[in-house]
Amino acid sequence: MTVNIIPSGNLQENVNQKAYGASLSLKERLNNFFHKETINPDIIIKHNQALDKANTLQILAQALEHKRFKEKDFILLLQIKNKFAEGLKEYKGLSAYLRFLQVAIEAKKSFLAIEQVELLYRSYQQQKFYDLVFHLLEQNVSNERFYQFIHQELTEILPKIKTQKGKKALECYVNALDSLTHKDELGLKLLYLFKKCQLTNYSILQQVSNVVDDLKNKNIKNTSNILKIVKKQNKLFEKLGSILEIPKVKNNPLTYAIMLQYMVFQSKYTKVYCQFEKLIEVLGHWKKFYKTAKSIRRQYSWNQYRQPQDFKKKLVILDLYKKYHHYC
């Protein structure tokens, strides 16, 4: 990776420094040198530490860049992420619902496991346990408190269940609940929304997941191609929208088309995007140390202070920073 070398200070400053120095006699130059102020050692240490860290981060940043960052679909993903974050046009107000949908698909196995146990095991004690779960969801307790209550109740109820199958089923049920509490803070909120709608068949999540998988093999750069698929299953998505409490004005095919487009691209670039995030984080830190060193040099300029040799080392502006600075 090539870097663009930028001289310490600006170009005109260096030119002026040379011209000024050349016009003075040896006596005048020595007089100016010995009358310059010295820089506090702590400031010099701070400068050198910032410079060293900037150089270290430069190497790390260069190692993190990936050739897939240049792919058109990845660039499109970044643009779509920005539209959701900024709430631009049809993306306005959809960021929270997108996250709901993502978590729902990611946790579909847990939801399906909960559904299966509740349908097949309906003894008095088990039903009592399911009711407790819904009550806690209604109370909107924290994930930690929910976990504590559920496991305490499980310990009390298990001895009262007669069959081993029933006991094992309830343990699987709690494992699925645990998965939701650990998956994301929205996991339990989603379970509440499903139960609030008295939904007993969570296969809707599998159906939507199937649509996402199907789109992975199609050209989805243009949302019009996704719109056709969504419209064919409009009832499915309208039902999902009512469960997720998407406002009626947003509960339409275009909303699901742009959310599905994002989810497909996100799935395609999951690992690549994680590396991209690390790069942006490193560049952010690099910028901080670079600016620190540059600011100290500007504050303790050569014509007023007796600068150490380290202040004369050239600062570099990374090509990578120029390329990705708008993401930092």
Protein backbone atom coordinates (compact mmCIF):
# COMPACT_ATOMS: atom_id res chain seq x y z
CA MET A 1 0.00 0.00 0.00
CA THR A 2 1.47 3.35 -1.00
CA VAL A 3 1.16 6.32 1.28
CA ASN A 4 1.20 9.98 0.46
CA ILE A 5 4.02 11.70 2.30
CA ILE A 6 3.11 15.14 3.58
CA PRO A 7 5.89 17.34 4.95
CA SER A 8 5.69 18.48 8.56
CA GLY A 9 3.66 21.70 8.63
CA ASN A 10 2.52 23.15 5.33
CA LEU A 11 4.64 23.59 2.24
CA GLN A 12 4.74 27.38 2.41
CA GLU A 13 5.91 27.23 6.01
CA ASN A 14 8.88 25.03 5.01
CA VAL A 15 9.76 27.31 2.10
CA ASN A 16 9.62 30.35 4.37
CA GLN A 17 11.74 28.59 6.95
CA LYS A 18 14.49 27.82 4.40
CA ALA A 19 14.37 31.31 2.85
CA TYR A 20 14.48 32.97 6.25
CA GLY A 21 17.37 30.80 7.43
CA ALA A 22 19.37 31.42 4.25
CA SER A 23 19.06 35.23 4.60
CA LEU A 24 20.54 35.29 8.11
CA SER A 25 24.20 35.36 9.02
CA LEU A 26 25.70 32.58 11.11
CA LYS A 27 25.81 34.87 14.13
CA GLU A 28 22.13 35.81 13.73
CA ARG A 29 21.09 32.18 13.32
CA LEU A 30 23.00 31.10 16.43
CA ASN A 31 21.50 34.01 18.36
CA ASN A 32 17.97 33.03 17.30
CA PHE A 33 18.59 29.40 18.16
CA PHE A 34 19.83 30.04 21.69
CA HIS A 35 17.03 32.49 22.40
CA LYS A 36 14.25 30.13 21.36
CA GLU A 37 12.11 28.65 24.10
CA THR A 38 12.50 25.01 25.06
CA ILE A 39 9.54 22.63 24.87
CA ASN A 40 8.31 20.97 28.05
CA PRO A 41 9.58 17.34 28.10
CA ASP A 42 6.05 16.08 28.81
CA ILE A 43 4.86 17.70 25.56
CA ILE A 44 7.68 16.02 23.65
CA ILE A 45 6.76 12.65 25.16
CA LYS A 46 3.11 13.20 24.27
CA HIS A 47 4.09 14.07 20.68
CA ASN A 48 6.35 11.04 20.29
CA GLN A 49 3.76 8.66 21.75
CA ALA A 50 1.12 9.98 19.35
CA LEU A 51 3.53 9.62 16.44
CA ASP A 52 4.46 6.04 17.37
CA LYS A 53 0.80 5.03 17.79
CA ALA A 54 -0.15 6.64 14.49
CA ASN A 55 2.59 4.68 12.72
CA THR A 56 1.52 1.41 14.37
CA LEU A 57 -2.13 1.99 13.44
CA GLN A 58 -1.06 2.81 9.88
CA ILE A 59 0.40 -0.70 9.51
CA LEU A 60 -2.70 -2.29 11.07
CA ALA A 61 -5.03 -0.33 8.79
CA GLN A 62 -3.15 -1.44 5.70
CA ALA A 63 -3.43 -5.07 6.85
CA LEU A 64 -7.19 -4.75 7.37
CA GLU A 65 -8.10 -3.46 3.92
CA HIS A 66 -9.81 -6.16 1.85
CA LYS A 67 -10.19 -6.39 -1.90
CA ARG A 68 -13.94 -7.03 -1.47
CA PHE A 69 -14.39 -3.51 -0.12
CA LYS A 70 -14.26 -2.43 -3.78
CA GLU A 71 -17.09 -4.69 -4.94
CA LYS A 72 -20.15 -2.86 -6.22
CA ASP A 73 -22.55 -4.84 -4.03
CA PHE A 74 -20.51 -4.03 -0.92
CA ILE A 75 -20.46 -0.33 -1.79
CA LEU A 76 -24.22 -0.54 -2.33
CA LEU A 77 -24.60 -2.14 1.10
CA LEU A 78 -22.72 0.78 2.67
CA GLN A 79 -24.96 3.24 0.84
CA ILE A 80 -28.10 1.43 2.01
CA LYS A 81 -26.82 1.32 5.60
CA ASN A 82 -26.32 5.07 5.43
CA LYS A 83 -29.87 5.60 4.14
CA PHE A 84 -31.29 3.61 7.06
CA ALA A 85 -29.07 5.46 9.55
CA GLU A 86 -29.94 8.88 8.12
CA GLY A 87 -33.63 8.03 7.61
CA LEU A 88 -33.59 9.25 4.02
CA LYS A 89 -36.87 9.30 2.05
CA GLU A 90 -38.55 5.87 2.08
CA TYR A 91 -36.01 4.66 4.66
CA LYS A 92 -37.26 7.14 7.25
CA GLY A 93 -38.33 5.47 10.50
CA LEU A 94 -37.48 1.94 9.34
CA SER A 95 -34.22 1.35 11.17
CA ALA A 96 -35.88 -0.06 14.32
CA TYR A 97 -38.23 -2.33 12.34
CA LEU A 98 -35.32 -3.58 10.24
CA ARG A 99 -33.55 -4.64 13.44
CA PHE A 100 -36.74 -6.35 14.65
CA LEU A 101 -36.97 -8.31 11.41
CA GLN A 102 -33.28 -9.26 11.50
CA VAL A 103 -33.51 -10.56 15.06
CA ALA A 104 -36.70 -12.44 14.28
CA ILE A 105 -35.06 -14.28 11.38
CA GLU A 106 -31.83 -14.91 13.26
CA ALA A 107 -33.73 -16.34 16.25
CA LYS A 108 -36.36 -18.27 14.27
CA LYS A 109 -35.16 -21.63 15.62
CA SER A 110 -35.76 -20.46 19.19
CA PHE A 111 -39.25 -19.19 18.31
CA LEU A 112 -40.11 -22.44 16.55
CA ALA A 113 -38.87 -24.46 19.53
CA ILE A 114 -41.05 -22.40 21.88
CA GLU A 115 -44.04 -22.91 19.58
CA GLN A 116 -43.53 -26.67 19.41
CA VAL A 117 -43.31 -27.15 23.18
CA GLU A 118 -46.34 -24.97 23.89
CA LEU A 119 -48.44 -26.91 21.37
CA LEU A 120 -47.42 -30.42 22.42
CA TYR A 121 -47.06 -30.14 26.20
CA ARG A 122 -50.06 -28.61 27.91
CA SER A 123 -50.31 -30.05 31.42
CA TYR A 124 -51.51 -27.80 34.23
CA GLN A 125 -47.98 -27.11 35.49
CA GLN A 126 -46.62 -26.49 32.02
CA GLN A 127 -49.47 -24.13 31.14
CA LYS A 128 -48.85 -22.31 34.40
CA PHE A 129 -45.23 -21.87 33.34
CA TYR A 130 -46.22 -20.50 29.92
CA ASP A 131 -48.57 -18.02 31.62
CA LEU A 132 -45.74 -16.85 33.86
CA VAL A 133 -43.58 -16.24 30.80
CA PHE A 134 -46.26 -14.07 29.21
CA HIS A 135 -46.80 -12.19 32.48
CA LEU A 136 -43.08 -11.37 32.71
CA LEU A 137 -43.07 -10.26 29.08
CA GLU A 138 -46.01 -7.95 29.80
CA GLN A 139 -44.08 -6.45 32.72
CA ASN A 140 -41.18 -5.68 30.37
CA VAL A 141 -38.62 -6.84 32.92
CA SER A 142 -34.94 -6.76 32.03
CA ASN A 143 -33.36 -9.76 30.33
CA GLU A 144 -31.38 -10.49 33.47
CA ARG A 145 -34.47 -10.43 35.73
CA PHE A 146 -36.41 -12.51 33.22
CA TYR A 147 -33.64 -15.12 33.22
CA GLN A 148 -33.59 -15.25 37.03
CA PHE A 149 -37.38 -15.58 37.39
CA ILE A 150 -37.64 -18.28 34.74
CA HIS A 151 -34.89 -20.45 36.16
CA GLN A 152 -36.21 -20.08 39.69
CA GLU A 153 -39.69 -21.13 38.53
CA LEU A 154 -38.25 -24.02 36.50
CA THR A 155 -36.55 -25.39 39.63
CA GLU A 156 -39.86 -25.32 41.48
CA ILE A 157 -42.03 -26.77 38.71
CA LEU A 158 -39.84 -29.61 37.37
CA PRO A 159 -40.43 -31.94 40.39
CA LYS A 160 -44.19 -31.51 39.87
CA ILE A 161 -44.13 -32.75 36.27
CA LYS A 162 -44.76 -36.48 36.12
CA THR A 163 -43.09 -37.62 32.89
CA GLN A 164 -39.45 -37.40 31.84
CA LYS A 165 -40.56 -36.24 28.38
CA GLY A 166 -42.51 -33.41 29.96
CA LYS A 167 -39.52 -32.38 32.08
CA LYS A 168 -37.15 -32.51 29.13
CA ALA A 169 -39.59 -30.51 26.98
CA LEU A 170 -39.79 -27.76 29.59
CA GLU A 171 -36.01 -27.65 29.85
CA CYS A 172 -35.79 -27.27 26.05
CA TYR A 173 -38.40 -24.52 26.31
CA VAL A 174 -36.28 -22.63 28.85
CA ASN A 175 -33.17 -23.14 26.70
CA ALA A 176 -34.98 -21.46 23.82
CA LEU A 177 -35.96 -18.58 26.11
CA ASP A 178 -32.36 -18.29 27.26
CA SER A 179 -31.27 -18.04 23.65
CA LEU A 180 -33.62 -15.09 23.16
CA THR A 181 -32.36 -13.31 26.28
CA HIS A 182 -28.75 -13.69 25.15
CA LYS A 183 -29.29 -13.15 21.41
CA ASP A 184 -30.33 -9.54 21.50
CA GLU A 185 -32.23 -7.15 23.75
CA LEU A 186 -35.05 -7.31 21.19
CA GLY A 187 -35.50 -11.09 21.44
CA LEU A 188 -37.94 -11.03 24.36
CA LYS A 189 -39.70 -7.97 22.94
CA LEU A 190 -40.38 -9.94 19.76
CA LEU A 191 -41.68 -12.91 21.72
CA TYR A 192 -44.06 -10.57 23.50
CA LEU A 193 -45.29 -9.12 20.21
CA PHE A 194 -45.93 -12.62 18.84
CA LYS A 195 -47.81 -13.68 21.97
CA LYS A 196 -49.69 -10.39 22.13
CA CYS A 197 -51.04 -11.13 18.65
CA GLN A 198 -51.97 -14.62 19.91
CA LEU A 199 -49.80 -16.09 17.21
CA THR A 200 -49.51 -19.84 17.73
CA ASN A 201 -47.70 -20.58 14.48
CA TYR A 202 -44.25 -19.04 14.19
CA SER A 203 -43.67 -20.61 10.78
CA ILE A 204 -44.19 -17.13 9.35
CA LEU A 205 -40.56 -16.51 10.31
CA GLN A 206 -39.42 -19.54 8.36
CA GLN A 207 -41.41 -18.36 5.34
CA VAL A 208 -39.78 -14.94 5.41
CA SER A 209 -36.39 -16.57 5.92
CA ASN A 210 -37.04 -18.68 2.82
CA VAL A 211 -37.73 -15.50 0.83
CA VAL A 212 -34.41 -14.05 1.99
CA ASP A 213 -32.57 -17.24 0.97
CA ASP A 214 -34.28 -17.22 -2.41
CA LEU A 215 -33.24 -13.60 -3.03
CA LYS A 216 -29.59 -14.49 -2.46
CA ASN A 217 -29.57 -16.10 -5.90
CA LYS A 218 -31.20 -13.17 -7.69
CA ASN A 219 -30.16 -9.76 -8.96
CA ILE A 220 -31.41 -7.40 -6.27
CA LYS A 221 -29.43 -4.28 -7.03
CA ASN A 222 -32.74 -2.72 -8.00
CA THR A 223 -35.58 -3.00 -5.48
CA SER A 224 -38.10 -3.40 -8.33
CA ASN A 225 -37.03 -7.03 -8.67
CA ILE A 226 -37.71 -7.62 -4.97
CA LEU A 227 -41.02 -5.77 -5.12
CA LYS A 228 -42.41 -8.36 -7.54
CA ILE A 229 -41.62 -11.17 -5.09
CA VAL A 230 -43.00 -9.29 -2.08
CA LYS A 231 -46.25 -8.48 -3.87
CA LYS A 232 -46.79 -12.15 -4.64
CA GLN A 233 -46.71 -12.83 -0.88
CA ASN A 234 -48.29 -9.59 0.23
CA LYS A 235 -50.52 -11.22 2.88
CA LEU A 236 -47.52 -12.83 4.52
CA PHE A 237 -45.68 -9.53 4.85
CA GLU A 238 -48.76 -7.57 5.91
CA LYS A 239 -49.30 -10.08 8.72
CA LEU A 240 -45.66 -9.79 9.72
CA GLY A 241 -45.98 -6.00 9.69
CA SER A 242 -48.96 -6.07 12.04
CA ILE A 243 -47.03 -8.32 14.45
CA LEU A 244 -43.97 -6.03 14.39
CA GLU A 245 -46.32 -3.06 14.81
CA ILE A 246 -45.08 -1.34 11.68
CA PRO A 247 -47.27 1.76 11.09
CA LYS A 248 -49.92 1.28 8.40
CA VAL A 249 -48.37 3.98 6.24
CA LYS A 250 -45.15 1.93 6.18
CA ASN A 251 -46.74 -1.53 6.02
CA ASN A 252 -46.38 -1.87 2.25
CA PRO A 253 -44.34 -3.87 -0.30
CA LEU A 254 -41.71 -1.14 -0.77
CA THR A 255 -40.88 -1.20 2.94
CA TYR A 256 -40.25 -4.94 2.88
CA ALA A 257 -38.38 -4.75 -0.42
CA ILE A 258 -35.78 -2.31 0.92
CA MET A 259 -35.45 -4.21 4.21
CA LEU A 260 -35.01 -7.53 2.40
CA GLN A 261 -32.47 -5.99 0.04
CA TYR A 262 -30.41 -4.86 2.99
CA MET A 263 -30.67 -8.22 4.76
CA VAL A 264 -29.50 -10.14 1.69
CA PHE A 265 -26.48 -7.88 1.14
CA GLN A 266 -25.71 -7.95 4.87
CA SER A 267 -25.79 -11.74 4.82
CA LYS A 268 -23.50 -11.82 1.80
CA TYR A 269 -20.91 -9.58 3.43
CA THR A 270 -21.20 -10.45 7.13
CA LYS A 271 -17.52 -11.26 7.68
CA VAL A 272 -16.29 -8.64 5.22
CA TYR A 273 -18.34 -5.92 6.91
CA CYS A 274 -16.97 -6.87 10.33
CA GLN A 275 -13.47 -6.36 8.93
CA PHE A 276 -14.56 -3.07 7.37
CA GLU A 277 -15.86 -1.89 10.75
CA LYS A 278 -12.50 -2.74 12.32
CA LEU A 279 -10.71 -0.77 9.61
CA ILE A 280 -12.93 2.28 10.20
CA GLU A 281 -12.33 2.00 13.93
CA VAL A 282 -8.55 1.83 13.41
CA LEU A 283 -8.64 4.80 11.03
CA GLY A 284 -10.61 6.76 13.62
CA HIS A 285 -7.93 6.11 16.24
CA TRP A 286 -5.18 6.87 13.70
CA LYS A 287 -6.80 10.21 12.93
CA LYS A 288 -6.83 11.14 16.62
CA PHE A 289 -3.11 10.45 17.12
CA TYR A 290 -2.17 12.04 13.79
CA LYS A 291 -4.04 15.23 14.73
CA THR A 292 -2.43 15.25 18.18
CA ALA A 293 1.08 15.15 16.74
CA LYS A 294 0.23 17.74 14.07
CA SER A 295 -1.41 20.06 16.61
CA ILE A 296 1.61 19.94 18.94
CA ARG A 297 3.95 20.79 16.07
CA ARG A 298 1.75 23.70 15.09
CA GLN A 299 1.54 24.98 18.67
CA TYR A 300 5.28 24.66 19.27
CA SER A 301 6.49 25.98 15.91
CA TRP A 302 10.12 26.00 14.78
CA ASN A 303 10.43 29.78 14.70
CA GLN A 304 9.52 30.15 18.38
CA TYR A 305 10.66 26.90 19.97
CA ARG A 306 13.75 24.74 19.90
CA GLN A 307 12.23 21.63 18.31
CA PRO A 308 13.74 18.16 18.89
CA GLN A 309 14.61 15.91 15.95
CA ASP A 310 11.40 13.89 16.35
CA PHE A 311 9.38 16.98 15.48
CA LYS A 312 11.09 17.00 12.09
CA LYS A 313 9.97 13.51 11.17
CA LYS A 314 7.48 13.66 8.34
CA LEU A 315 3.82 13.00 9.07
CA VAL A 316 1.94 10.80 6.64
CA ILE A 317 -1.62 10.99 5.43
CA LEU A 318 -2.85 7.49 4.69
CA ASP A 319 -4.30 6.80 1.27
CA LEU A 320 -6.75 4.57 3.16
CA TYR A 321 -7.92 7.49 5.26
CA LYS A 322 -8.50 9.56 2.13
CA LYS A 323 -10.52 6.69 0.69
CA TYR A 324 -12.69 5.95 3.75
CA HIS A 325 -12.62 9.19 5.77
CA HIS A 326 -16.35 9.81 5.26
CA TYR A 327 -17.09 6.59 7.19
CA CYS A 328 -14.87 7.58 10.15
